[in-house]
Each structure stands twice: as C-alpha cells, then as structure tokens.
Amino acid sequence: GSQATVAPYGPVVPQKTPSWLAQKATGPVAAALSEYAT
C-alpha cells in the first residue's frame, strides 16, 4: 500500500499531494544503504 494508488479509469494526478505520498518511505534498500554508511 505504499505505492501511489491508481483510479479505476487510469492514473489521476491529484491536485494536492496526499500526506501519505509525501512521507519518505524506508525499505530494505534504504536500510542497507544506511547500514553501509554507518
């Protein structure tokens, strides 16, 4: 559910970016890069 949602009739560009989409996600790649840098 972290991907941008698609409306039933095709992609819709929202007028305002939803707050959940603006948040920075942290996944396994980010965790690995963070571990490497640390």
All heavy atoms as atom14 arrays in JSON, in Angstrom:
{
  "sequence": "GSQATVAPYGPVVPQKTPSWLAQKATGPVAAALSEYAT",
  "atom14_mask": [
    [1, 1, 1, 1, 0, 0, 0, 0, 0, 0, 0, 0, 0, 0],
    [1, 1, 1, 1, 1, 1, 0, 0, 0, 0, 0, 0, 0, 0],
    [1, 1, 1, 1, 1, 1, 1, 1, 1, 0, 0, 0, 0, 0],
    [1, 1, 1, 1, 1, 0, 0, 0, 0, 0, 0, 0, 0, 0],
    [1, 1, 1, 1, 1, 1, 1, 0, 0, 0, 0, 0, 0, 0],
    [1, 1, 1, 1, 1, 1, 1, 0, 0, 0, 0, 0, 0, 0],
    [1, 1, 1, 1, 1, 0, 0, 0, 0, 0, 0, 0, 0, 0],
    [1, 1, 1, 1, 1, 1, 1, 0, 0, 0, 0, 0, 0, 0],
    [1, 1, 1, 1, 1, 1, 1, 1, 1, 1, 1, 1, 0, 0],
    [1, 1, 1, 1, 0, 0, 0, 0, 0, 0, 0, 0, 0, 0],
    [1, 1, 1, 1, 1, 1, 1, 0, 0, 0, 0, 0, 0, 0],
    [1, 1, 1, 1, 1, 1, 1, 0, 0, 0, 0, 0, 0, 0],
    [1, 1, 1, 1, 1, 1, 1, 0, 0, 0, 0, 0, 0, 0],
    [1, 1, 1, 1, 1, 1, 1, 0, 0, 0, 0, 0, 0, 0],
    [1, 1, 1, 1, 1, 1, 1, 1, 1, 0, 0, 0, 0, 0],
    [1, 1, 1, 1, 1, 1, 1, 1, 1, 0, 0, 0, 0, 0],
    [1, 1, 1, 1, 1, 1, 1, 0, 0, 0, 0, 0, 0, 0],
    [1, 1, 1, 1, 1, 1, 1, 0, 0, 0, 0, 0, 0, 0],
    [1, 1, 1, 1, 1, 1, 0, 0, 0, 0, 0, 0, 0, 0],
    [1, 1, 1, 1, 1, 1, 1, 1, 1, 1, 1, 1, 1, 1],
    [1, 1, 1, 1, 1, 1, 1, 1, 0, 0, 0, 0, 0, 0],
    [1, 1, 1, 1, 1, 0, 0, 0, 0, 0, 0, 0, 0, 0],
    [1, 1, 1, 1, 1, 1, 1, 1, 1, 0, 0, 0, 0, 0],
    [1, 1, 1, 1, 1, 1, 1, 1, 1, 0, 0, 0, 0, 0],
    [1, 1, 1, 1, 1, 0, 0, 0, 0, 0, 0, 0, 0, 0],
    [1, 1, 1, 1, 1, 1, 1, 0, 0, 0, 0, 0, 0, 0],
    [1, 1, 1, 1, 0, 0, 0, 0, 0, 0, 0, 0, 0, 0],
    [1, 1, 1, 1, 1, 1, 1, 0, 0, 0, 0, 0, 0, 0],
    [1, 1, 1, 1, 1, 1, 1, 0, 0, 0, 0, 0, 0, 0],
    [1, 1, 1, 1, 1, 0, 0, 0, 0, 0, 0, 0, 0, 0],
    [1, 1, 1, 1, 1, 0, 0, 0, 0, 0, 0, 0, 0, 0],
    [1, 1, 1, 1, 1, 0, 0, 0, 0, 0, 0, 0, 0, 0],
    [1, 1, 1, 1, 1, 1, 1, 1, 0, 0, 0, 0, 0, 0],
    [1, 1, 1, 1, 1, 1, 0, 0, 0, 0, 0, 0, 0, 0],
    [1, 1, 1, 1, 1, 1, 1, 1, 1, 0, 0, 0, 0, 0],
    [1, 1, 1, 1, 1, 1, 1, 1, 1, 1, 1, 1, 0, 0],
    [1, 1, 1, 1, 1, 0, 0, 0, 0, 0, 0, 0, 0, 0],
    [1, 1, 1, 1, 1, 1, 1, 0, 0, 0, 0, 0, 0, 0]
  ],
  "atom14_positions": [
    [[0.8, -1.22, 0.0], [0.0, 0.0, 0.0], [0.82, 1.26, 0.0], [0.29, 2.35, 0.13], [0.0, 0.0, 0.0], [0.0, 0.0, 0.0], [0.0, 0.0, 0.0], [0.0, 0.0, 0.0], [0.0, 0.0, 0.0], [0.0, 0.0, 0.0], [0.0, 0.0, 0.0], [0.0, 0.0, 0.0], [0.0, 0.0, 0.0], [0.0, 0.0, 0.0]],
    [[2.13, 1.14, -0.15], [2.97, 2.34, -0.12], [3.12, 2.97, -1.49], [3.65, 4.05, -1.6], [4.34, 2.01, 0.45], [5.0, 1.1, -0.41], [0.0, 0.0, 0.0], [0.0, 0.0, 0.0], [0.0, 0.0, 0.0], [0.0, 0.0, 0.0], [0.0, 0.0, 0.0], [0.0, 0.0, 0.0], [0.0, 0.0, 0.0], [0.0, 0.0, 0.0]],
    [[2.65, 2.28, -2.53], [2.74, 2.84, -3.88], [1.58, 3.8, -4.12], [0.54, 3.71, -3.48], [2.7, 1.72, -4.92], [3.84, 0.73, -4.8], [5.19, 1.39, -5.03], [5.34, 2.21, -5.91], [6.16, 1.04, -4.22], [0.0, 0.0, 0.0], [0.0, 0.0, 0.0], [0.0, 0.0, 0.0], [0.0, 0.0, 0.0], [0.0, 0.0, 0.0]],
    [[1.74, 4.7, -5.07], [0.66, 5.62, -5.42], [-0.52, 4.83, -5.95], [-0.35, 3.88, -6.7], [1.15, 6.62, -6.46], [0.0, 0.0, 0.0], [0.0, 0.0, 0.0], [0.0, 0.0, 0.0], [0.0, 0.0, 0.0], [0.0, 0.0, 0.0], [0.0, 0.0, 0.0], [0.0, 0.0, 0.0], [0.0, 0.0, 0.0], [0.0, 0.0, 0.0]],
    [[-1.72, 5.2, -5.55], [-2.9, 4.47, -5.99], [-3.31, 4.9, -7.39], [-3.02, 6.01, -7.83], [-4.08, 4.69, -5.03], [-4.33, 6.1, -4.96], [-3.76, 4.15, -3.65], [0.0, 0.0, 0.0], [0.0, 0.0, 0.0], [0.0, 0.0, 0.0], [0.0, 0.0, 0.0], [0.0, 0.0, 0.0], [0.0, 0.0, 0.0], [0.0, 0.0, 0.0]],
    [[-3.98, 4.02, -8.08], [-4.44, 4.29, -9.43], [-5.97, 4.23, -9.42], [-6.56, 3.3, -8.88], [-3.87, 3.25, -10.41], [-4.4, 3.48, -11.8], [-2.36, 3.28, -10.38], [0.0, 0.0, 0.0], [0.0, 0.0, 0.0], [0.0, 0.0, 0.0], [0.0, 0.0, 0.0], [0.0, 0.0, 0.0], [0.0, 0.0, 0.0], [0.0, 0.0, 0.0]],
    [[-6.6, 5.25, -10.0], [-8.06, 5.28, -10.07], [-8.55, 4.18, -11.02], [-7.79, 3.73, -11.87], [-8.52, 6.65, -10.56], [0.0, 0.0, 0.0], [0.0, 0.0, 0.0], [0.0, 0.0, 0.0], [0.0, 0.0, 0.0], [0.0, 0.0, 0.0], [0.0, 0.0, 0.0], [0.0, 0.0, 0.0], [0.0, 0.0, 0.0], [0.0, 0.0, 0.0]],
    [[-9.79, 3.75, -10.9], [-10.28, 2.66, -11.73], [-10.2, 2.94, -13.23], [-10.14, 2.02, -14.02], [-11.74, 2.51, -11.3], [-11.94, 3.34, -10.1], [-10.76, 4.22, -9.95], [0.0, 0.0, 0.0], [0.0, 0.0, 0.0], [0.0, 0.0, 0.0], [0.0, 0.0, 0.0], [0.0, 0.0, 0.0], [0.0, 0.0, 0.0], [0.0, 0.0, 0.0]],
    [[-10.21, 4.19, -13.65], [-10.2, 4.51, -15.08], [-8.85, 5.02, -15.56], [-8.76, 5.66, -16.58], [-11.3, 5.53, -15.41], [-12.65, 5.03, -15.02], [-13.29, 5.56, -13.92], [-13.24, 4.0, -15.74], [-14.53, 5.09, -13.54], [-14.49, 3.51, -15.35], [-15.12, 4.05, -14.26], [-16.34, 3.58, -13.88], [0.0, 0.0, 0.0], [0.0, 0.0, 0.0]],
    [[-7.8, 4.81, -14.83], [-6.47, 5.27, -15.22], [-5.87, 6.16, -14.15], [-6.54, 6.5, -13.17], [0.0, 0.0, 0.0], [0.0, 0.0, 0.0], [0.0, 0.0, 0.0], [0.0, 0.0, 0.0], [0.0, 0.0, 0.0], [0.0, 0.0, 0.0], [0.0, 0.0, 0.0], [0.0, 0.0, 0.0], [0.0, 0.0, 0.0], [0.0, 0.0, 0.0]],
    [[-4.61, 6.51, -14.33], [-3.95, 7.33, -13.31], [-4.55, 8.73, -13.23], [-4.92, 9.29, -14.24], [-2.49, 7.38, -13.75], [-2.5, 7.0, -15.18], [-3.74, 6.19, -15.43], [0.0, 0.0, 0.0], [0.0, 0.0, 0.0], [0.0, 0.0, 0.0], [0.0, 0.0, 0.0], [0.0, 0.0, 0.0], [0.0, 0.0, 0.0], [0.0, 0.0, 0.0]],
    [[-4.67, 9.21, -12.03], [-5.2, 10.54, -11.8], [-4.12, 11.33, -11.07], [-3.58, 10.88, -10.07], [-6.48, 10.5, -10.94], [-6.96, 11.9, -10.62], [-7.55, 9.71, -11.64], [0.0, 0.0, 0.0], [0.0, 0.0, 0.0], [0.0, 0.0, 0.0], [0.0, 0.0, 0.0], [0.0, 0.0, 0.0], [0.0, 0.0, 0.0], [0.0, 0.0, 0.0]],
    [[-3.81, 12.52, -11.58], [-2.83, 13.38, -10.92], [-3.58, 14.19, -9.88], [-4.47, 14.96, -10.22], [-2.14, 14.31, -11.94], [-1.17, 15.25, -11.24], [-1.46, 13.51, -13.01], [0.0, 0.0, 0.0], [0.0, 0.0, 0.0], [0.0, 0.0, 0.0], [0.0, 0.0, 0.0], [0.0, 0.0, 0.0], [0.0, 0.0, 0.0], [0.0, 0.0, 0.0]],
    [[-3.29, 13.99, -8.6], [-4.02, 14.73, -7.58], [-3.65, 16.21, -7.61], [-2.55, 16.59, -8.01], [-3.57, 14.07, -6.27], [-2.29, 13.39, -6.58], [-2.3, 13.07, -8.05], [0.0, 0.0, 0.0], [0.0, 0.0, 0.0], [0.0, 0.0, 0.0], [0.0, 0.0, 0.0], [0.0, 0.0, 0.0], [0.0, 0.0, 0.0], [0.0, 0.0, 0.0]],
    [[-4.59, 17.04, -7.23], [-4.36, 18.48, -7.17], [-3.37, 18.81, -6.06], [-2.55, 19.7, -6.2], [-5.69, 19.22, -6.92], [-6.69, 19.04, -8.04], [-6.19, 19.6, -9.37], [-5.46, 20.59, -9.4], [-6.54, 18.95, -10.46], [0.0, 0.0, 0.0], [0.0, 0.0, 0.0], [0.0, 0.0, 0.0], [0.0, 0.0, 0.0], [0.0, 0.0, 0.0]],
    [[-3.47, 18.09, -4.98], [-2.59, 18.3, -3.85], [-1.98, 16.94, -3.49], [-2.68, 15.93, -3.49], [-3.38, 18.86, -2.66], [-2.55, 19.14, -1.45], [-3.41, 19.7, -0.33], [-2.58, 19.86, 0.92], [-3.39, 20.23, 2.07], [0.0, 0.0, 0.0], [0.0, 0.0, 0.0], [0.0, 0.0, 0.0], [0.0, 0.0, 0.0], [0.0, 0.0, 0.0]],
    [[-0.68, 16.92, -3.21], [-0.03, 15.66, -2.87], [-0.56, 15.16, -1.53], [-0.5, 15.88, -0.54], [1.49, 15.85, -2.77], [1.96, 16.41, -3.98], [2.19, 14.53, -2.49], [0.0, 0.0, 0.0], [0.0, 0.0, 0.0], [0.0, 0.0, 0.0], [0.0, 0.0, 0.0], [0.0, 0.0, 0.0], [0.0, 0.0, 0.0], [0.0, 0.0, 0.0]],
    [[-1.1, 13.92, -1.51], [-1.58, 13.38, -0.24], [-0.43, 13.27, 0.75], [0.7, 13.02, 0.37], [-2.12, 11.99, -0.62], [-2.25, 12.0, -2.1], [-1.3, 13.01, -2.62], [0.0, 0.0, 0.0], [0.0, 0.0, 0.0], [0.0, 0.0, 0.0], [0.0, 0.0, 0.0], [0.0, 0.0, 0.0], [0.0, 0.0, 0.0], [0.0, 0.0, 0.0]],
    [[-0.73, 13.43, 2.03], [0.31, 13.42, 3.06], [1.04, 12.09, 3.1], [2.25, 12.04, 3.33], [-0.28, 13.75, 4.43], [-1.22, 12.76, 4.79], [0.0, 0.0, 0.0], [0.0, 0.0, 0.0], [0.0, 0.0, 0.0], [0.0, 0.0, 0.0], [0.0, 0.0, 0.0], [0.0, 0.0, 0.0], [0.0, 0.0, 0.0], [0.0, 0.0, 0.0]],
    [[0.34, 10.98, 2.85], [1.0, 9.68, 2.92], [1.98, 9.49, 1.77], [2.93, 8.77, 1.88], [-0.03, 8.53, 2.92], [-0.93, 8.53, 1.72], [-2.14, 9.13, 1.61], [-0.67, 7.92, 0.47], [-2.66, 8.95, 0.36], [-1.77, 8.19, -0.37], [0.38, 7.17, -0.05], [-1.86, 7.75, -1.68], [0.28, 6.73, -1.36], [-0.82, 7.01, -2.16]],
    [[1.76, 10.2, 0.64], [2.67, 10.08, -0.5], [3.89, 10.97, -0.31], [4.98, 10.67, -0.8], [1.93, 10.45, -1.79], [2.61, 10.15, -3.1], [2.95, 8.67, -3.2], [1.74, 10.55, -4.27], [0.0, 0.0, 0.0], [0.0, 0.0, 0.0], [0.0, 0.0, 0.0], [0.0, 0.0, 0.0], [0.0, 0.0, 0.0], [0.0, 0.0, 0.0]],
    [[3.74, 12.05, 0.44], [4.85, 12.97, 0.66], [5.84, 12.44, 1.68], [6.98, 12.88, 1.74], [4.32, 14.33, 1.11], [0.0, 0.0, 0.0], [0.0, 0.0, 0.0], [0.0, 0.0, 0.0], [0.0, 0.0, 0.0], [0.0, 0.0, 0.0], [0.0, 0.0, 0.0], [0.0, 0.0, 0.0], [0.0, 0.0, 0.0], [0.0, 0.0, 0.0]],
    [[5.41, 11.48, 2.5], [6.3, 10.92, 3.51], [7.37, 10.07, 2.84], [7.1, 9.39, 1.86], [5.52, 10.07, 4.5], [4.54, 10.88, 5.33], [3.67, 9.98, 6.2], [3.68, 8.77, 6.06], [2.93, 10.61, 7.09], [0.0, 0.0, 0.0], [0.0, 0.0, 0.0], [0.0, 0.0, 0.0], [0.0, 0.0, 0.0], [0.0, 0.0, 0.0]],
    [[8.56, 10.12, 3.38], [9.66, 9.32, 2.85], [9.55, 7.91, 3.38], [9.49, 7.69, 4.59], [11.02, 9.93, 3.23], [11.2, 11.35, 2.74], [11.18, 11.42, 1.24], [11.39, 12.86, 0.79], [11.1, 13.06, -0.59], [0.0, 0.0, 0.0], [0.0, 0.0, 0.0], [0.0, 0.0, 0.0], [0.0, 0.0, 0.0], [0.0, 0.0, 0.0]],
    [[9.5, 6.96, 2.47], [9.39, 5.56, 2.87], [10.76, 5.01, 3.23], [11.77, 5.44, 2.7], [8.78, 4.75, 1.73], [0.0, 0.0, 0.0], [0.0, 0.0, 0.0], [0.0, 0.0, 0.0], [0.0, 0.0, 0.0], [0.0, 0.0, 0.0], [0.0, 0.0, 0.0], [0.0, 0.0, 0.0], [0.0, 0.0, 0.0], [0.0, 0.0, 0.0]],
    [[10.79, 4.05, 4.14], [12.03, 3.38, 4.5], [11.84, 1.89, 4.23], [11.01, 1.26, 4.86], [12.36, 3.6, 5.98], [12.34, 4.99, 6.25], [13.72, 3.04, 6.32], [0.0, 0.0, 0.0], [0.0, 0.0, 0.0], [0.0, 0.0, 0.0], [0.0, 0.0, 0.0], [0.0, 0.0, 0.0], [0.0, 0.0, 0.0], [0.0, 0.0, 0.0]],
    [[12.62, 1.4, 3.3], [12.51, 0.0, 2.95], [13.83, -0.71, 3.11], [14.78, -0.17, 3.69], [0.0, 0.0, 0.0], [0.0, 0.0, 0.0], [0.0, 0.0, 0.0], [0.0, 0.0, 0.0], [0.0, 0.0, 0.0], [0.0, 0.0, 0.0], [0.0, 0.0, 0.0], [0.0, 0.0, 0.0], [0.0, 0.0, 0.0], [0.0, 0.0, 0.0]],
    [[13.94, -1.92, 2.56], [15.17, -2.7, 2.73], [16.38, -2.07, 2.06], [17.49, -2.16, 2.59], [14.82, -4.05, 2.1], [13.62, -3.81, 1.26], [12.9, -2.64, 1.83], [0.0, 0.0, 0.0], [0.0, 0.0, 0.0], [0.0, 0.0, 0.0], [0.0, 0.0, 0.0], [0.0, 0.0, 0.0], [0.0, 0.0, 0.0], [0.0, 0.0, 0.0]],
    [[16.19, -1.4, 0.93], [17.34, -0.75, 0.26], [17.84, 0.41, 1.11], [19.04, 0.57, 1.33], [16.97, -0.29, -1.16], [18.08, 0.53, -1.77], [16.63, -1.49, -2.04], [0.0, 0.0, 0.0], [0.0, 0.0, 0.0], [0.0, 0.0, 0.0], [0.0, 0.0, 0.0], [0.0, 0.0, 0.0], [0.0, 0.0, 0.0], [0.0, 0.0, 0.0]],
    [[16.9, 1.21, 1.62], [17.28, 2.34, 2.47], [17.99, 1.85, 3.73], [18.98, 2.43, 4.16], [16.04, 3.15, 2.84], [0.0, 0.0, 0.0], [0.0, 0.0, 0.0], [0.0, 0.0, 0.0], [0.0, 0.0, 0.0], [0.0, 0.0, 0.0], [0.0, 0.0, 0.0], [0.0, 0.0, 0.0], [0.0, 0.0, 0.0], [0.0, 0.0, 0.0]],
    [[17.47, 0.77, 4.29], [18.11, 0.22, 5.5], [19.52, -0.28, 5.2], [20.44, -0.06, 5.99], [17.25, -0.92, 6.06], [0.0, 0.0, 0.0], [0.0, 0.0, 0.0], [0.0, 0.0, 0.0], [0.0, 0.0, 0.0], [0.0, 0.0, 0.0], [0.0, 0.0, 0.0], [0.0, 0.0, 0.0], [0.0, 0.0, 0.0], [0.0, 0.0, 0.0]],
    [[19.69, -0.93, 4.05], [21.02, -1.42, 3.68], [22.0, -0.28, 3.44], [23.15, -0.33, 3.88], [20.93, -2.31, 2.44], [0.0, 0.0, 0.0], [0.0, 0.0, 0.0], [0.0, 0.0, 0.0], [0.0, 0.0, 0.0], [0.0, 0.0, 0.0], [0.0, 0.0, 0.0], [0.0, 0.0, 0.0], [0.0, 0.0, 0.0], [0.0, 0.0, 0.0]],
    [[21.54, 0.76, 2.75], [22.41, 1.91, 2.49], [22.76, 2.62, 3.8], [23.9, 3.05, 3.99], [21.74, 2.87, 1.52], [21.63, 2.38, 0.08], [20.79, 3.34, -0.76], [23.01, 2.21, -0.55], [0.0, 0.0, 0.0], [0.0, 0.0, 0.0], [0.0, 0.0, 0.0], [0.0, 0.0, 0.0], [0.0, 0.0, 0.0], [0.0, 0.0, 0.0]],
    [[21.8, 2.73, 4.68], [22.05, 3.35, 5.98], [23.06, 2.53, 6.78], [23.98, 3.09, 7.39], [20.75, 3.48, 6.75], [20.99, 3.99, 8.04], [0.0, 0.0, 0.0], [0.0, 0.0, 0.0], [0.0, 0.0, 0.0], [0.0, 0.0, 0.0], [0.0, 0.0, 0.0], [0.0, 0.0, 0.0], [0.0, 0.0, 0.0], [0.0, 0.0, 0.0]],
    [[22.91, 1.22, 6.76], [23.85, 0.34, 7.47], [25.26, 0.47, 6.88], [26.25, 0.54, 7.62], [23.36, -1.11, 7.38], [24.25, -2.1, 8.09], [24.18, -2.02, 9.6], [23.24, -1.43, 10.14], [25.1, -2.55, 10.25], [0.0, 0.0, 0.0], [0.0, 0.0, 0.0], [0.0, 0.0, 0.0], [0.0, 0.0, 0.0], [0.0, 0.0, 0.0]],
    [[25.35, 0.51, 5.56], [26.65, 0.66, 4.9], [27.31, 1.97, 5.33], [28.49, 1.99, 5.71], [26.49, 0.63, 3.38], [27.78, 0.9, 2.65], [28.72, -0.11, 2.48], [28.08, 2.17, 2.17], [29.92, 0.14, 1.83], [29.27, 2.42, 1.52], [30.19, 1.41, 1.34], [31.37, 1.66, 0.72], [0.0, 0.0, 0.0], [0.0, 0.0, 0.0]],
    [[26.54, 3.07, 5.26], [27.1, 4.38, 5.62], [27.53, 4.4, 7.08], [28.59, 4.94, 7.42], [26.07, 5.47, 5.35], [0.0, 0.0, 0.0], [0.0, 0.0, 0.0], [0.0, 0.0, 0.0], [0.0, 0.0, 0.0], [0.0, 0.0, 0.0], [0.0, 0.0, 0.0], [0.0, 0.0, 0.0], [0.0, 0.0, 0.0], [0.0, 0.0, 0.0]],
    [[26.74, 3.79, 7.94], [27.07, 3.75, 9.37], [28.37, 2.97, 9.6], [29.24, 3.41, 10.35], [25.92, 3.12, 10.17], [24.75, 3.91, 9.96], [26.24, 3.05, 11.64], [0.0, 0.0, 0.0], [0.0, 0.0, 0.0], [0.0, 0.0, 0.0], [0.0, 0.0, 0.0], [0.0, 0.0, 0.0], [0.0, 0.0, 0.0], [0.0, 0.0, 0.0]]
  ]
}
